[in-house]
């Protein structure tokens, strides 16, 4: 049985997710904010992924910026703080190492999550009965982080000196 982890999200993030959901779209907090929260670090920003297209996001929310509209990203402004909302997508090749040359929008959350660089960044947060939960329990997270650290420590010891 999975543990429930209560995650406190900024009210703006909750309202954006609820706004998208109230219009029939799915929406989740993803990326570094999930990792940071589970590790007890306050996130610098909150990213949201959604089944809504950029045009639909702009129709729902008042003050938006076309941050990376060609990649499906719209920034929703709440006061002076911006929240990036990106449509589920599959990325093509990265010629510059930072931005995909092309993207294909997808209706599938799990296809979107696959493109994220670290396994931990792939854990969306969802709302169920008023609790924000991660797909993975804290104990599991702790075990996995320790296992990664242990592997890296062993690899480091095997490196020849002078590297």
C-alpha atoms as a PDB file:
ATOM      1  CA  UNK A   1       0.000   0.000   0.000  1.00  0.00           C
ATOM      2  CA  UNK A   2       1.333   3.447  -0.934  1.00  0.00           C
ATOM      3  CA  UNK A   3       1.869   6.159   1.621  1.00  0.00           C
ATOM      4  CA  UNK A   4       0.114   9.462   1.175  1.00  0.00           C
ATOM      5  CA  UNK A   5       2.459  12.413   1.142  1.00  0.00           C
ATOM      6  CA  UNK A   6       0.910  15.792   1.815  1.00  0.00           C
ATOM      7  CA  UNK A   7       2.484  18.372  -0.425  1.00  0.00           C
ATOM      8  CA  UNK A   8       1.768  22.050   0.096  1.00  0.00           C
ATOM      9  CA  UNK A   9       1.445  23.799  -3.238  1.00  0.00           C
ATOM     10  CA  UNK A  10       1.186  27.543  -3.651  1.00  0.00           C
ATOM     11  CA  UNK A  11      -2.445  28.643  -3.886  1.00  0.00           C
ATOM     12  CA  UNK A  12      -1.810  29.984  -7.406  1.00  0.00           C
ATOM     13  CA  UNK A  13      -0.689  26.526  -8.577  1.00  0.00           C
ATOM     14  CA  UNK A  14      -3.745  24.899  -7.009  1.00  0.00           C
ATOM     15  CA  UNK A  15      -6.017  27.445  -8.702  1.00  0.00           C
ATOM     16  CA  UNK A  16      -4.363  26.961 -12.106  1.00  0.00           C
ATOM     17  CA  UNK A  17      -4.678  23.175 -11.891  1.00  0.00           C
ATOM     18  CA  UNK A  18      -8.267  23.411 -10.667  1.00  0.00           C
ATOM     19  CA  UNK A  19      -9.058  25.947 -13.416  1.00  0.00           C
ATOM     20  CA  UNK A  20      -7.818  23.577 -16.099  1.00  0.00           C
ATOM     21  CA  UNK A  21      -9.636  20.623 -14.508  1.00  0.00           C
ATOM     22  CA  UNK A  22     -12.900  22.572 -14.230  1.00  0.00           C
ATOM     23  CA  UNK A  23     -12.767  23.019 -18.011  1.00  0.00           C
ATOM     24  CA  UNK A  24     -12.392  19.274 -18.558  1.00  0.00           C
ATOM     25  CA  UNK A  25      -8.596  19.088 -18.903  1.00  0.00           C
ATOM     26  CA  UNK A  26      -6.109  17.122 -16.849  1.00  0.00           C
ATOM     27  CA  UNK A  27      -3.281  19.049 -15.185  1.00  0.00           C
ATOM     28  CA  UNK A  28      -0.396  18.105 -12.916  1.00  0.00           C
ATOM     29  CA  UNK A  29       2.574  19.753 -11.233  1.00  0.00           C
ATOM     30  CA  UNK A  30       5.725  18.156 -12.630  1.00  0.00           C
ATOM     31  CA  UNK A  31       9.480  18.500 -12.779  1.00  0.00           C
ATOM     32  CA  UNK A  32      11.870  20.040 -10.326  1.00  0.00           C
ATOM     33  CA  UNK A  33       9.107  21.290  -8.037  1.00  0.00           C
ATOM     34  CA  UNK A  34       8.101  17.686  -7.298  1.00  0.00           C
ATOM     35  CA  UNK A  35      11.703  16.623  -6.676  1.00  0.00           C
ATOM     36  CA  UNK A  36      12.449  19.624  -4.487  1.00  0.00           C
ATOM     37  CA  UNK A  37       9.269  19.266  -2.441  1.00  0.00           C
ATOM     38  CA  UNK A  38       9.855  15.577  -1.774  1.00  0.00           C
ATOM     39  CA  UNK A  39      13.420  16.335  -0.719  1.00  0.00           C
ATOM     40  CA  UNK A  40      12.280  19.085   1.650  1.00  0.00           C
ATOM     41  CA  UNK A  41      13.615  21.962  -0.463  1.00  0.00           C
ATOM     42  CA  UNK A  42      11.375  24.897  -1.369  1.00  0.00           C
ATOM     43  CA  UNK A  43      10.901  24.905  -5.158  1.00  0.00           C
ATOM     44  CA  UNK A  44      12.080  27.983  -7.085  1.00  0.00           C
ATOM     45  CA  UNK A  45       9.206  27.576  -9.519  1.00  0.00           C
ATOM     46  CA  UNK A  46       6.262  25.304 -10.276  1.00  0.00           C
ATOM     47  CA  UNK A  47       5.734  23.780 -13.711  1.00  0.00           C
ATOM     48  CA  UNK A  48       2.420  22.354 -14.806  1.00  0.00           C
ATOM     49  CA  UNK A  49       1.687  19.907 -17.603  1.00  0.00           C
ATOM     50  CA  UNK A  50      -1.785  19.665 -19.107  1.00  0.00           C
ATOM     51  CA  UNK A  51      -3.904  17.984 -21.732  1.00  0.00           C
ATOM     52  CA  UNK A  52      -5.140  21.450 -22.827  1.00  0.00           C
ATOM     53  CA  UNK A  53      -3.600  22.994 -25.931  1.00  0.00           C
ATOM     54  CA  UNK A  54      -1.793  26.331 -25.623  1.00  0.00           C
ATOM     55  CA  UNK A  55      -4.787  28.059 -27.264  1.00  0.00           C
ATOM     56  CA  UNK A  56      -7.152  26.474 -24.736  1.00  0.00           C
ATOM     57  CA  UNK A  57      -4.908  27.503 -21.815  1.00  0.00           C
ATOM     58  CA  UNK A  58      -4.930  31.088 -23.095  1.00  0.00           C
ATOM     59  CA  UNK A  59      -8.732  31.034 -23.424  1.00  0.00           C
ATOM     60  CA  UNK A  60      -9.166  29.900 -19.815  1.00  0.00           C
ATOM     61  CA  UNK A  61      -6.747  32.313 -18.137  1.00  0.00           C
ATOM     62  CA  UNK A  62      -6.615  36.068 -18.432  1.00  0.00           C
ATOM     63  CA  UNK A  63      -3.027  37.274 -18.333  1.00  0.00           C
ATOM     64  CA  UNK A  64      -0.751  34.889 -20.240  1.00  0.00           C
ATOM     65  CA  UNK A  65       2.551  35.137 -22.082  1.00  0.00           C
ATOM     66  CA  UNK A  66       3.613  33.029 -25.063  1.00  0.00           C
ATOM     67  CA  UNK A  67       6.810  31.825 -23.421  1.00  0.00           C
ATOM     68  CA  UNK A  68       7.512  28.926 -25.747  1.00  0.00           C
ATOM     69  CA  UNK A  69       4.282  28.615 -27.665  1.00  0.00           C
ATOM     70  CA  UNK A  70       5.961  26.581 -30.423  1.00  0.00           C
ATOM     71  CA  UNK A  71       6.865  24.013 -27.735  1.00  0.00           C
ATOM     72  CA  UNK A  72       3.429  24.182 -26.124  1.00  0.00           C
ATOM     73  CA  UNK A  73       4.395  26.443 -23.207  1.00  0.00           C
ATOM     74  CA  UNK A  74       2.285  29.342 -22.015  1.00  0.00           C
ATOM     75  CA  UNK A  75       3.112  31.309 -18.868  1.00  0.00           C
ATOM     76  CA  UNK A  76       0.150  32.210 -16.700  1.00  0.00           C
ATOM     77  CA  UNK A  77       0.838  35.371 -14.753  1.00  0.00           C
ATOM     78  CA  UNK A  78      -0.434  35.674 -11.195  1.00  0.00           C
ATOM     79  CA  UNK A  79       0.629  39.088 -10.022  1.00  0.00           C
ATOM     80  CA  UNK A  80       4.358  39.265 -10.757  1.00  0.00           C
ATOM     81  CA  UNK A  81       4.853  35.492 -10.642  1.00  0.00           C
ATOM     82  CA  UNK A  82       4.697  33.379 -13.778  1.00  0.00           C
ATOM     83  CA  UNK A  83       3.724  29.712 -13.913  1.00  0.00           C
ATOM     84  CA  UNK A  84       4.694  27.733 -17.010  1.00  0.00           C
ATOM     85  CA  UNK A  85       1.950  25.479 -18.320  1.00  0.00           C
ATOM     86  CA  UNK A  86       2.988  23.081 -21.075  1.00  0.00           C
ATOM     87  CA  UNK A  87       0.776  20.869 -23.197  1.00  0.00           C
ATOM     88  CA  UNK A  88       1.587  17.139 -23.073  1.00  0.00           C
ATOM     89  CA  UNK A  89       4.161  16.560 -25.792  1.00  0.00           C
ATOM     90  CA  UNK A  90       6.710  14.238 -27.322  1.00  0.00           C
ATOM     91  CA  UNK A  91      10.029  15.904 -28.140  1.00  0.00           C
ATOM     92  CA  UNK A  92      12.047  15.405 -31.288  1.00  0.00           C
ATOM     93  CA  UNK A  93      15.827  15.720 -31.574  1.00  0.00           C
ATOM     94  CA  UNK A  94      17.703  18.403 -29.573  1.00  0.00           C
ATOM     95  CA  UNK A  95      20.257  19.979 -31.945  1.00  0.00           C
ATOM     96  CA  UNK A  96      21.208  22.719 -29.465  1.00  0.00           C
ATOM     97  CA  UNK A  97      21.076  20.420 -26.435  1.00  0.00           C
ATOM     98  CA  UNK A  98      18.401  22.570 -24.755  1.00  0.00           C
ATOM     99  CA  UNK A  99      15.349  22.966 -27.014  1.00  0.00           C
ATOM    100  CA  UNK A 100      13.694  20.297 -29.154  1.00  0.00           C
ATOM    101  CA  UNK A 101      13.821  20.884 -32.922  1.00  0.00           C
ATOM    102  CA  UNK A 102      10.202  19.800 -33.116  1.00  0.00           C
ATOM    103  CA  UNK A 103       7.445  18.695 -30.773  1.00  0.00           C
ATOM    104  CA  UNK A 104       4.318  16.635 -31.262  1.00  0.00           C
ATOM    105  CA  UNK A 105       1.434  17.220 -28.886  1.00  0.00           C
ATOM    106  CA  UNK A 106      -0.011  14.074 -27.352  1.00  0.00           C
ATOM    107  CA  UNK A 107      -3.138  13.329 -25.309  1.00  0.00           C
ATOM    108  CA  UNK A 108      -1.118  10.884 -23.166  1.00  0.00           C
ATOM    109  CA  UNK A 109       0.391  12.050 -19.851  1.00  0.00           C
ATOM    110  CA  UNK A 110       2.825   9.137 -19.719  1.00  0.00           C
ATOM    111  CA  UNK A 111       4.260   9.936 -23.163  1.00  0.00           C
ATOM    112  CA  UNK A 112       4.896  13.474 -21.892  1.00  0.00           C
ATOM    113  CA  UNK A 113       6.526  12.220 -18.692  1.00  0.00           C
ATOM    114  CA  UNK A 114       8.916   9.992 -20.650  1.00  0.00           C
ATOM    115  CA  UNK A 115      10.633  13.026 -22.178  1.00  0.00           C
ATOM    116  CA  UNK A 116      11.721  14.423 -18.826  1.00  0.00           C
ATOM    117  CA  UNK A 117      15.412  14.075 -18.078  1.00  0.00           C
ATOM    118  CA  UNK A 118      15.479  12.533 -14.613  1.00  0.00           C
ATOM    119  CA  UNK A 119      13.248   9.766 -13.377  1.00  0.00           C
ATOM    120  CA  UNK A 120      12.348  11.909 -10.367  1.00  0.00           C
ATOM    121  CA  UNK A 121      11.182  14.708 -12.672  1.00  0.00           C
ATOM    122  CA  UNK A 122       8.658  12.300 -14.140  1.00  0.00           C
ATOM    123  CA  UNK A 123       6.527  12.037 -11.032  1.00  0.00           C
ATOM    124  CA  UNK A 124       3.401  14.119 -11.387  1.00  0.00           C
ATOM    125  CA  UNK A 125       1.450  15.283  -8.386  1.00  0.00           C
ATOM    126  CA  UNK A 126      -2.266  14.672  -8.432  1.00  0.00           C
ATOM    127  CA  UNK A 127      -5.125  15.664  -6.217  1.00  0.00           C
ATOM    128  CA  UNK A 128      -7.349  13.047  -4.623  1.00  0.00           C
ATOM    129  CA  UNK A 129      -9.887  13.867  -1.914  1.00  0.00           C
ATOM    130  CA  UNK A 130      -8.102  17.071  -0.977  1.00  0.00           C
ATOM    131  CA  UNK A 131      -4.619  15.522  -0.568  1.00  0.00           C
ATOM    132  CA  UNK A 132      -1.772  16.130  -2.946  1.00  0.00           C
ATOM    133  CA  UNK A 133       0.011  12.852  -3.525  1.00  0.00           C
ATOM    134  CA  UNK A 134       3.046  11.687  -5.376  1.00  0.00           C
ATOM    135  CA  UNK A 135       2.894   8.474  -7.362  1.00  0.00           C
ATOM    136  CA  UNK A 136       5.811   7.210  -5.289  1.00  0.00           C
ATOM    137  CA  UNK A 137       5.952   6.982  -1.509  1.00  0.00           C
ATOM    138  CA  UNK A 138       8.629   8.804   0.480  1.00  0.00           C
ATOM    139  CA  UNK A 139      10.214   5.560   1.712  1.00  0.00           C
ATOM    140  CA  UNK A 140      10.603   4.398  -1.868  1.00  0.00           C
ATOM    141  CA  UNK A 141      12.094   7.743  -2.850  1.00  0.00           C
ATOM    142  CA  UNK A 142      14.579   7.597  -0.010  1.00  0.00           C
ATOM    143  CA  UNK A 143      15.639   4.033  -0.950  1.00  0.00           C
ATOM    144  CA  UNK A 144      16.064   4.977  -4.604  1.00  0.00           C
ATOM    145  CA  UNK A 145      18.069   8.111  -3.856  1.00  0.00           C
ATOM    146  CA  UNK A 146      20.336   6.145  -1.534  1.00  0.00           C
ATOM    147  CA  UNK A 147      20.797   3.424  -4.172  1.00  0.00           C
ATOM    148  CA  UNK A 148      21.799   6.040  -6.780  1.00  0.00           C
ATOM    149  CA  UNK A 149      24.192   7.701  -4.341  1.00  0.00           C
ATOM    150  CA  UNK A 150      25.732   4.336  -3.422  1.00  0.00           C
ATOM    151  CA  UNK A 151      26.261   3.428  -7.117  1.00  0.00           C
ATOM    152  CA  UNK A 152      27.885   6.799  -7.814  1.00  0.00           C
ATOM    153  CA  UNK A 153      30.135   6.443  -4.755  1.00  0.00           C
ATOM    154  CA  UNK A 154      31.305   2.981  -5.917  1.00  0.00           C
ATOM    155  CA  UNK A 155      31.876   4.238  -9.472  1.00  0.00           C
ATOM    156  CA  UNK A 156      33.913   7.153  -8.129  1.00  0.00           C
ATOM    157  CA  UNK A 157      36.143   4.777  -6.148  1.00  0.00           C
ATOM    158  CA  UNK A 158      36.807   2.731  -9.308  1.00  0.00           C
ATOM    159  CA  UNK A 159      37.967   5.750 -11.297  1.00  0.00           C
ATOM    160  CA  UNK A 160      41.703   5.956 -11.926  1.00  0.00           C
ATOM    161  CA  UNK A 161      43.328   8.806 -10.021  1.00  0.00           C
ATOM    162  CA  UNK A 162      43.987  11.990 -11.968  1.00  0.00           C
ATOM    163  CA  UNK A 163      40.608  11.956 -13.729  1.00  0.00           C
END
